[in-house]
């Protein structure tokens, strides 16, 4: 049986740049993830690890994008040294 994933679409737009210019670039990304990301956003937000919900969502999104790439490429030597630390970090996060 084929493992199914949730499909997502992300749109990222430059709004303004630190030099005061208006942003002009945008990125559209389609990706999949084995987790329900919106549920994870709520769980992380409810743990009140951060002062506001936007920071919690930013953290959760970045972490889930990164760890999904790492999971899909677990044989890549780039992740060899990082993998044990990430696994321990995820255990700590889930238990808090």
Protein backbone atom coordinates (compact mmCIF):
# COMPACT_ATOMS: atom_id res chain seq x y z
CA UNK A 1 0.00 0.00 0.00
CA UNK A 2 1.32 3.42 -0.95
CA UNK A 3 1.92 5.80 1.94
CA UNK A 4 -0.22 8.89 1.62
CA UNK A 5 0.76 12.41 2.56
CA UNK A 6 -1.06 15.67 3.00
CA UNK A 7 -0.56 18.10 0.11
CA UNK A 8 0.09 21.79 0.73
CA UNK A 9 0.70 24.95 -1.23
CA UNK A 10 2.76 27.80 0.14
CA UNK A 11 2.88 31.33 -1.24
CA UNK A 12 5.67 33.57 0.03
CA UNK A 13 5.84 37.24 -0.94
CA UNK A 14 8.39 39.90 -0.22
CA UNK A 15 6.45 42.75 1.37
CA UNK A 16 9.24 45.20 2.14
CA UNK A 17 13.01 45.05 2.33
CA UNK A 18 15.22 46.29 5.16
CA UNK A 19 16.57 49.07 2.91
CA UNK A 20 13.03 50.48 2.61
CA UNK A 21 12.31 49.19 -0.91
CA UNK A 22 9.07 47.43 -1.67
CA UNK A 23 9.40 43.70 -2.16
CA UNK A 24 8.96 42.36 -5.68
CA UNK A 25 9.67 38.66 -5.44
CA UNK A 26 7.33 35.79 -4.72
CA UNK A 27 7.57 32.04 -4.43
CA UNK A 28 4.92 29.37 -4.92
CA UNK A 29 5.73 25.98 -3.52
CA UNK A 30 3.75 22.76 -3.61
CA UNK A 31 4.88 20.14 -1.11
CA UNK A 32 3.65 17.22 0.91
CA UNK A 33 4.04 16.28 4.53
CA UNK A 34 3.06 13.19 6.48
CA UNK A 35 1.65 15.37 9.30
CA UNK A 36 -1.42 17.59 9.49
CA UNK A 37 0.42 20.91 9.59
CA UNK A 38 -2.55 22.98 10.70
CA UNK A 39 -3.04 20.69 13.68
CA UNK A 40 0.65 21.05 14.53
CA UNK A 41 0.37 24.85 14.34
CA UNK A 42 -2.43 24.69 16.91
CA UNK A 43 -0.57 22.26 19.17
CA UNK A 44 2.62 24.35 19.17
CA UNK A 45 0.62 27.52 19.76
CA UNK A 46 -1.26 25.92 22.66
CA UNK A 47 2.03 24.96 24.36
CA UNK A 48 2.78 28.71 24.69
CA UNK A 49 6.47 28.19 24.03
CA UNK A 50 6.59 31.62 22.41
CA UNK A 51 4.99 34.97 23.22
CA UNK A 52 2.70 35.05 20.21
CA UNK A 53 0.90 32.75 17.82
CA UNK A 54 2.70 34.03 14.70
CA UNK A 55 6.08 33.11 16.16
CA UNK A 56 4.75 29.68 17.11
CA UNK A 57 3.44 29.14 13.58
CA UNK A 58 6.69 30.36 12.01
CA UNK A 59 8.66 27.96 14.23
CA UNK A 60 6.36 25.00 13.51
CA UNK A 61 6.35 25.60 9.75
CA UNK A 62 10.12 25.92 9.54
CA UNK A 63 10.67 22.86 11.68
CA UNK A 64 8.19 20.71 9.76
CA UNK A 65 9.56 21.77 6.36
CA UNK A 66 13.10 21.04 7.47
CA UNK A 67 12.41 17.72 9.19
CA UNK A 68 10.30 16.44 6.29
CA UNK A 69 13.17 17.12 3.87
CA UNK A 70 15.53 15.41 6.30
CA UNK A 71 13.18 12.41 6.59
CA UNK A 72 12.84 12.07 2.81
CA UNK A 73 16.62 12.28 2.43
CA UNK A 74 17.73 10.33 5.50
CA UNK A 75 20.56 8.65 3.58
CA UNK A 76 22.06 12.02 2.61
CA UNK A 77 25.38 12.45 4.46
CA UNK A 78 24.51 16.11 5.08
CA UNK A 79 22.09 15.02 7.81
CA UNK A 80 24.24 12.30 9.41
CA UNK A 81 25.53 14.34 12.35
CA UNK A 82 22.36 16.38 12.77
CA UNK A 83 19.85 13.52 12.79
CA UNK A 84 20.43 12.32 16.38
CA UNK A 85 20.16 15.87 17.74
CA UNK A 86 16.96 16.55 15.79
CA UNK A 87 15.40 13.29 17.01
CA UNK A 88 16.21 14.22 20.61
CA UNK A 89 14.90 17.76 20.08
CA UNK A 90 11.64 16.43 18.65
CA UNK A 91 11.18 14.10 21.64
CA UNK A 92 11.73 17.03 24.01
CA UNK A 93 9.32 19.24 22.07
CA UNK A 94 6.60 16.58 22.01
CA UNK A 95 6.92 15.91 25.73
CA UNK A 96 6.69 19.57 26.78
